[in-house]
N, C-alpha and C. Protein backbone atom coordinates (compact mmCIF):
# COMPACT_ATOMS: atom_id res chain seq x y z
N MET A 1 0.77 -1.12 -0.02
CA MET A 1 -0.04 0.03 0.02
C MET A 1 0.94 1.25 0.01
N SER A 2 0.47 2.20 -0.79
CA SER A 2 1.28 3.39 -0.92
C SER A 2 1.25 4.24 0.53
N ALA A 3 2.12 5.06 0.77
CA ALA A 3 2.15 5.84 2.01
C ALA A 3 0.98 6.84 2.05
N ASP A 4 0.66 7.46 0.90
CA ASP A 4 -0.46 8.44 0.81
C ASP A 4 -1.79 7.75 1.23
N VAL A 5 -2.05 6.44 0.73
CA VAL A 5 -3.33 5.78 1.06
C VAL A 5 -3.28 5.38 2.39
N ALA A 6 -2.12 4.82 2.98
CA ALA A 6 -2.03 4.42 4.40
C ALA A 6 -2.25 5.63 5.27
N LEU A 7 -1.69 6.77 4.90
CA LEU A 7 -1.88 8.04 5.68
C LEU A 7 -3.38 8.29 5.79
N GLN A 8 -4.15 8.43 4.64
CA GLN A 8 -5.54 8.79 4.59
C GLN A 8 -6.36 7.81 5.38
N ASP A 9 -6.01 6.55 5.35
CA ASP A 9 -6.83 5.55 6.14
C ASP A 9 -6.61 5.74 7.60
N SER A 10 -5.45 6.10 7.97
CA SER A 10 -5.11 6.27 9.47
C SER A 10 -5.60 7.60 10.00
N VAL A 11 -5.61 8.56 9.20
CA VAL A 11 -6.22 9.84 9.47
C VAL A 11 -7.77 9.68 9.63
N TYR A 12 -8.40 8.89 8.74
CA TYR A 12 -9.79 8.62 8.83
C TYR A 12 -10.13 7.99 10.18
N ASP A 13 -9.45 6.96 10.42
CA ASP A 13 -9.56 6.13 11.74
C ASP A 13 -9.48 7.09 12.83
N ALA A 14 -8.32 7.93 12.85
CA ALA A 14 -8.22 8.80 13.99
C ALA A 14 -9.46 9.86 14.28
N LEU A 15 -9.78 10.39 13.11
CA LEU A 15 -10.89 11.27 13.16
C LEU A 15 -12.10 10.73 13.71
N ILE A 16 -12.47 9.58 13.21
CA ILE A 16 -13.66 8.80 13.63
C ILE A 16 -13.60 8.44 15.09
N ALA A 17 -12.46 8.09 15.62
CA ALA A 17 -12.23 7.61 16.98
C ALA A 17 -12.13 8.76 17.97
N ASP A 18 -11.84 9.99 17.47
CA ASP A 18 -11.57 11.15 18.40
C ASP A 18 -12.99 11.68 18.96
N ALA A 19 -13.00 11.74 20.14
CA ALA A 19 -14.28 12.15 20.91
C ALA A 19 -14.60 13.57 20.52
N GLY A 20 -13.74 14.49 20.41
CA GLY A 20 -13.90 15.85 20.07
C GLY A 20 -14.40 16.10 18.67
N VAL A 21 -13.90 15.36 17.78
CA VAL A 21 -14.19 15.46 16.37
C VAL A 21 -15.59 14.80 16.24
N SER A 22 -15.73 13.60 16.71
CA SER A 22 -17.12 13.02 16.62
C SER A 22 -18.30 13.67 17.31
N ALA A 23 -17.96 14.43 18.37
CA ALA A 23 -19.02 15.15 19.02
C ALA A 23 -19.53 16.24 18.11
N LEU A 24 -18.68 16.70 17.10
CA LEU A 24 -19.05 17.82 16.24
C LEU A 24 -19.56 17.24 14.80
N VAL A 25 -19.07 16.21 14.47
CA VAL A 25 -19.50 15.81 12.91
C VAL A 25 -19.99 14.37 12.98
N GLY A 26 -20.10 13.68 14.12
CA GLY A 26 -20.51 12.22 14.15
C GLY A 26 -19.53 11.40 13.32
N THR A 27 -19.98 10.59 12.49
CA THR A 27 -19.16 9.73 11.59
C THR A 27 -19.10 10.29 10.21
N ARG A 28 -19.47 11.58 9.98
CA ARG A 28 -19.54 12.15 8.71
C ARG A 28 -18.18 12.63 8.27
N VAL A 29 -17.32 11.74 7.99
CA VAL A 29 -15.91 11.96 7.41
C VAL A 29 -15.91 11.09 6.15
N TYR A 30 -15.66 11.79 5.03
CA TYR A 30 -15.81 11.16 3.63
C TYR A 30 -14.54 11.49 2.82
N ASP A 31 -14.33 10.47 1.95
CA ASP A 31 -13.34 10.68 0.95
C ASP A 31 -14.04 11.52 -0.23
N ASN A 32 -15.35 11.31 -0.46
CA ASN A 32 -16.14 12.13 -1.34
C ASN A 32 -17.61 12.06 -0.71
N ALA A 33 -18.05 13.14 -0.31
CA ALA A 33 -19.34 13.26 0.30
C ALA A 33 -20.44 12.93 -0.63
N PRO A 34 -21.36 12.11 -0.01
CA PRO A 34 -22.64 11.67 -0.85
C PRO A 34 -23.50 13.00 -1.07
N ASP A 35 -24.31 12.76 -2.07
CA ASP A 35 -25.40 13.89 -2.34
C ASP A 35 -26.33 13.88 -1.00
N GLY A 36 -26.63 15.09 -0.78
CA GLY A 36 -27.61 15.31 0.26
C GLY A 36 -27.07 15.11 1.61
N VAL A 37 -25.76 15.16 1.86
CA VAL A 37 -25.00 15.00 3.12
C VAL A 37 -25.52 16.05 4.20
N VAL A 38 -25.54 15.54 5.33
CA VAL A 38 -25.96 16.51 6.37
C VAL A 38 -24.74 17.20 6.92
N TYR A 39 -24.90 18.57 7.18
CA TYR A 39 -23.87 19.42 7.70
C TYR A 39 -23.86 19.26 9.12
N PRO A 40 -22.65 19.54 9.89
CA PRO A 40 -21.29 19.68 9.26
C PRO A 40 -20.72 18.33 8.87
N TYR A 41 -19.76 18.42 8.14
CA TYR A 41 -19.01 17.16 7.74
C TYR A 41 -17.57 17.55 7.29
N ILE A 42 -16.80 16.48 7.12
CA ILE A 42 -15.38 16.54 6.91
C ILE A 42 -15.20 15.65 5.60
N THR A 43 -14.24 16.18 4.67
CA THR A 43 -13.92 15.52 3.45
C THR A 43 -12.49 15.56 3.20
N PHE A 44 -11.86 14.61 2.59
CA PHE A 44 -10.46 14.69 2.27
C PHE A 44 -10.25 15.37 0.89
N GLY A 45 -9.46 16.44 0.90
CA GLY A 45 -9.13 17.19 -0.31
C GLY A 45 -7.92 16.74 -0.97
N PRO A 46 -7.31 17.57 -1.61
CA PRO A 46 -6.04 17.27 -2.45
C PRO A 46 -4.99 16.76 -1.49
N SER A 47 -4.17 15.82 -2.15
CA SER A 47 -2.95 15.29 -1.49
C SER A 47 -1.79 15.39 -2.51
N GLN A 48 -0.60 15.32 -1.78
CA GLN A 48 0.60 15.31 -2.51
C GLN A 48 1.66 14.34 -1.77
N ALA A 49 2.32 13.60 -2.54
CA ALA A 49 3.44 12.81 -2.05
C ALA A 49 4.75 13.22 -2.73
N VAL A 50 5.74 13.59 -1.98
CA VAL A 50 6.96 14.07 -2.43
C VAL A 50 8.22 13.13 -1.97
N THR A 51 8.84 12.57 -2.86
CA THR A 51 9.97 11.61 -2.49
C THR A 51 11.04 12.38 -1.72
N ASP A 52 11.38 11.76 -0.58
CA ASP A 52 12.35 12.28 0.35
C ASP A 52 13.36 11.13 0.88
N ASP A 53 13.94 10.51 -0.19
CA ASP A 53 14.77 9.38 0.11
C ASP A 53 16.20 9.97 0.77
N VAL A 54 16.58 9.10 1.76
CA VAL A 54 17.97 9.24 2.23
C VAL A 54 18.60 8.01 2.10
N GLU A 55 19.91 7.93 2.38
CA GLU A 55 20.67 6.76 2.29
C GLU A 55 20.00 5.54 3.02
N CYS A 56 19.68 4.45 2.23
CA CYS A 56 19.10 3.24 2.68
C CYS A 56 17.71 3.36 3.22
N ILE A 57 17.06 4.49 3.01
CA ILE A 57 15.66 4.72 3.52
C ILE A 57 14.79 5.33 2.38
N ASP A 58 13.74 4.66 2.09
CA ASP A 58 12.71 5.25 1.15
C ASP A 58 11.80 6.11 2.00
N GLY A 59 11.93 7.35 1.73
CA GLY A 59 11.19 8.30 2.55
C GLY A 59 10.13 9.19 1.59
N GLU A 60 9.01 9.69 2.16
CA GLU A 60 8.23 10.64 1.55
C GLU A 60 7.69 11.69 2.53
N GLU A 61 7.53 12.81 1.91
CA GLU A 61 6.72 13.91 2.59
C GLU A 61 5.29 13.84 2.00
N ASN A 62 4.31 13.61 2.91
CA ASN A 62 3.00 13.43 2.38
C ASN A 62 2.13 14.78 2.95
N TYR A 63 1.45 15.35 1.98
CA TYR A 63 0.69 16.46 2.37
C TYR A 63 -0.90 16.11 2.06
N LEU A 64 -1.61 16.44 2.95
CA LEU A 64 -3.09 16.04 2.94
C LEU A 64 -3.97 17.26 3.34
N GLN A 65 -4.85 17.59 2.52
CA GLN A 65 -5.83 18.72 2.91
C GLN A 65 -7.10 18.08 3.47
N ILE A 66 -7.57 18.39 4.59
CA ILE A 66 -8.79 18.09 5.23
C ILE A 66 -9.64 19.16 5.25
N ASP A 67 -10.94 18.99 4.53
CA ASP A 67 -11.84 20.11 4.35
C ASP A 67 -13.02 19.89 5.33
N VAL A 68 -13.39 21.00 5.96
CA VAL A 68 -14.48 21.06 6.89
C VAL A 68 -15.57 21.88 6.34
N TRP A 69 -16.79 21.34 6.34
CA TRP A 69 -17.86 21.97 5.79
C TRP A 69 -19.08 22.28 6.76
N THR A 70 -19.37 23.66 7.00
CA THR A 70 -20.58 23.85 7.99
C THR A 70 -21.50 24.77 7.07
N GLN A 71 -22.82 24.75 7.51
CA GLN A 71 -23.88 25.48 7.01
C GLN A 71 -24.56 26.20 8.17
N GLU A 72 -24.04 27.31 8.51
CA GLU A 72 -24.60 28.21 9.64
C GLU A 72 -24.94 29.54 9.23
N GLY A 73 -25.60 29.67 8.08
CA GLY A 73 -25.86 30.97 7.56
C GLY A 73 -24.73 31.77 7.12
N GLY A 74 -23.61 31.08 6.80
CA GLY A 74 -22.40 31.76 6.29
C GLY A 74 -21.35 32.04 7.53
N SER A 75 -21.83 31.80 8.88
CA SER A 75 -20.93 31.96 9.94
C SER A 75 -19.82 31.08 9.79
N LYS A 76 -18.55 31.61 10.08
CA LYS A 76 -17.33 30.74 10.09
C LYS A 76 -16.95 30.13 11.40
N ARG A 77 -17.74 30.56 12.48
CA ARG A 77 -17.37 30.10 13.78
C ARG A 77 -17.30 28.58 13.91
N GLY A 78 -18.37 27.81 13.49
CA GLY A 78 -18.50 26.48 13.61
C GLY A 78 -17.36 25.75 12.78
N ALA A 79 -16.99 26.25 11.78
CA ALA A 79 -15.87 25.65 10.89
C ALA A 79 -14.61 25.88 11.73
N LYS A 80 -14.34 26.91 12.40
CA LYS A 80 -13.12 27.11 13.25
C LYS A 80 -13.07 26.17 14.34
N VAL A 81 -14.19 25.85 15.01
CA VAL A 81 -14.26 24.94 16.13
C VAL A 81 -13.91 23.57 15.64
N ILE A 82 -14.49 23.17 14.44
CA ILE A 82 -14.18 21.81 13.97
C ILE A 82 -12.80 21.72 13.57
N CYS A 83 -12.17 22.74 12.92
CA CYS A 83 -10.75 22.73 12.43
C CYS A 83 -9.98 22.57 13.59
N ALA A 84 -10.18 23.30 14.78
CA ALA A 84 -9.37 23.22 16.04
C ALA A 84 -9.52 21.79 16.62
N ALA A 85 -10.63 21.07 16.52
CA ALA A 85 -10.79 19.81 16.91
C ALA A 85 -9.95 18.77 16.05
N VAL A 86 -10.02 18.97 14.74
CA VAL A 86 -9.13 18.20 13.89
C VAL A 86 -7.76 18.33 14.20
N LYS A 87 -7.18 19.57 14.40
CA LYS A 87 -5.90 19.89 14.74
C LYS A 87 -5.49 19.04 16.09
N GLN A 88 -6.37 19.16 17.05
CA GLN A 88 -6.25 18.57 18.32
C GLN A 88 -6.06 16.95 18.09
N ALA A 89 -6.89 16.42 17.25
CA ALA A 89 -6.80 14.93 16.98
C ALA A 89 -5.58 14.46 16.22
N LEU A 90 -5.03 15.34 15.46
CA LEU A 90 -4.00 14.92 14.49
C LEU A 90 -2.58 15.46 14.72
N HIS A 91 -2.46 16.60 15.22
CA HIS A 91 -1.12 17.18 15.34
C HIS A 91 -0.17 16.38 16.22
N ASN A 92 0.85 15.91 15.79
CA ASN A 92 1.89 15.14 16.51
C ASN A 92 1.15 13.84 17.03
N ALA A 93 0.16 13.38 16.34
CA ALA A 93 -0.56 12.04 16.86
C ALA A 93 0.33 10.91 16.50
N ALA A 94 0.09 9.79 17.16
CA ALA A 94 0.80 8.58 17.00
C ALA A 94 -0.01 7.58 16.11
N LEU A 95 -0.11 8.14 14.81
CA LEU A 95 -0.87 7.36 13.86
C LEU A 95 -0.17 6.07 13.54
N VAL A 96 -0.91 5.00 13.37
CA VAL A 96 -0.31 3.77 12.94
C VAL A 96 -0.73 3.48 11.52
N LEU A 97 0.33 3.40 10.67
CA LEU A 97 0.06 3.14 9.29
C LEU A 97 0.29 1.60 8.91
N SER A 98 -0.32 1.22 7.80
CA SER A 98 -0.19 -0.19 7.49
C SER A 98 1.25 -0.55 7.06
N ASP A 99 1.71 -1.67 7.27
CA ASP A 99 3.08 -2.13 6.97
C ASP A 99 3.13 -2.15 5.42
N PRO A 100 4.27 -1.81 4.84
CA PRO A 100 5.47 -1.52 5.39
C PRO A 100 5.85 -0.05 5.74
N VAL A 101 4.80 0.72 5.71
CA VAL A 101 4.92 2.18 5.84
C VAL A 101 5.02 2.64 7.31
N ALA A 102 6.02 3.41 7.67
CA ALA A 102 6.05 3.77 9.07
C ALA A 102 6.04 5.31 9.13
N LEU A 103 5.35 5.85 10.21
CA LEU A 103 5.19 7.34 10.26
C LEU A 103 6.34 7.78 11.08
N VAL A 104 7.00 8.89 10.54
CA VAL A 104 8.10 9.57 11.29
C VAL A 104 7.46 10.70 12.11
N LEU A 105 6.68 11.55 11.47
CA LEU A 105 5.97 12.60 12.20
C LEU A 105 4.78 13.06 11.36
N VAL A 106 3.84 13.56 12.25
CA VAL A 106 2.66 14.18 11.46
C VAL A 106 2.32 15.38 12.21
N GLU A 107 2.13 16.55 11.40
CA GLU A 107 1.84 17.79 12.04
C GLU A 107 0.84 18.63 11.22
N VAL A 108 0.01 19.37 11.91
CA VAL A 108 -0.87 20.28 11.39
C VAL A 108 -0.05 21.53 11.02
N GLU A 109 0.10 21.82 9.68
CA GLU A 109 0.88 23.09 9.31
C GLU A 109 0.13 24.41 9.28
N ASP A 110 -1.19 24.21 8.92
CA ASP A 110 -2.02 25.38 8.63
C ASP A 110 -3.44 25.03 8.79
N MET A 111 -4.16 26.11 9.24
CA MET A 111 -5.69 26.00 9.33
C MET A 111 -6.24 27.41 8.81
N ARG A 112 -7.30 27.34 8.10
CA ARG A 112 -7.86 28.52 7.50
C ARG A 112 -9.34 28.21 7.27
N VAL A 113 -10.16 29.28 7.42
CA VAL A 113 -11.59 29.13 7.15
C VAL A 113 -11.87 30.32 6.07
N ILE A 114 -12.66 29.83 5.00
CA ILE A 114 -13.08 30.72 3.97
C ILE A 114 -14.46 30.63 3.67
N GLY A 115 -14.95 31.58 3.01
CA GLY A 115 -16.32 31.52 2.47
C GLY A 115 -16.56 30.56 1.42
N ASP A 116 -17.70 30.37 0.87
CA ASP A 116 -18.01 29.36 -0.13
C ASP A 116 -18.96 30.10 -1.18
N PRO A 117 -19.04 29.72 -2.40
CA PRO A 117 -19.93 30.37 -3.41
C PRO A 117 -21.41 30.27 -2.74
N ASP A 118 -21.76 29.14 -2.09
CA ASP A 118 -23.05 29.09 -1.50
C ASP A 118 -22.86 29.98 -0.10
N GLU A 119 -23.40 31.08 -0.06
CA GLU A 119 -23.21 32.03 1.02
C GLU A 119 -23.68 31.55 2.39
N GLN A 120 -24.43 30.36 2.53
CA GLN A 120 -24.75 29.70 3.79
C GLN A 120 -23.74 28.75 4.29
N VAL A 121 -22.70 28.46 3.55
CA VAL A 121 -21.62 27.59 3.80
C VAL A 121 -20.37 28.20 4.19
N ALA A 122 -19.62 27.67 5.14
CA ALA A 122 -18.29 27.99 5.45
C ALA A 122 -17.36 26.75 5.20
N HIS A 123 -16.14 27.03 4.64
CA HIS A 123 -15.22 25.98 4.37
C HIS A 123 -13.93 26.10 5.14
N GLY A 124 -13.74 25.16 6.09
CA GLY A 124 -12.39 25.14 6.83
C GLY A 124 -11.39 24.19 6.05
N ILE A 125 -10.17 24.64 6.16
CA ILE A 125 -9.12 23.78 5.54
C ILE A 125 -8.01 23.58 6.49
N VAL A 126 -7.66 22.25 6.76
CA VAL A 126 -6.65 21.96 7.58
C VAL A 126 -5.53 21.27 6.79
N SER A 127 -4.37 21.72 6.78
CA SER A 127 -3.23 21.24 5.95
C SER A 127 -2.36 20.40 6.95
N LEU A 128 -2.21 19.19 6.53
CA LEU A 128 -1.50 18.16 7.26
C LEU A 128 -0.20 17.81 6.50
N LYS A 129 0.81 17.54 7.22
CA LYS A 129 2.20 17.13 6.61
C LYS A 129 2.51 15.93 7.48
N ALA A 130 2.85 14.77 6.76
CA ALA A 130 3.39 13.74 7.39
C ALA A 130 4.61 13.17 6.67
N VAL A 131 5.71 12.84 7.46
CA VAL A 131 6.90 12.24 6.93
C VAL A 131 6.74 10.75 7.14
N THR A 132 6.95 9.96 6.13
CA THR A 132 6.86 8.50 6.28
C THR A 132 8.03 7.89 5.58
N GLU A 133 8.26 6.65 6.03
CA GLU A 133 9.43 5.85 5.48
C GLU A 133 8.87 4.43 5.36
N GLY A 134 9.49 3.65 4.28
CA GLY A 134 9.17 2.34 4.16
C GLY A 134 8.78 1.92 2.72
């Protein structure tokens, strides 16, 4: 299994298992949200894997965007609260990736909340970086 797939699977498991996140979105964490999904929810956004090999070690820097979606009349407050819960669940977390991929570190590099073309929706973005080897 590739490191980026293993990372997404582990992040999904961590978000679903985290009491703070699940209190806000339940189990509504999706790779691709279904039609008619109930707000608020989380989806996986763009990802990137950059080779970072060193002598005798196959390494990667993996970047994953986690998107938060709320519908509170355009208020960004709820999206900020969920983004903070996602950071709490994932920043420096001891995620377990599937063999042969090992996690070296995972950190939330950035969080931001923006408007959406649908003026009733706010969009939170959590940028995650993970260094893996294997």
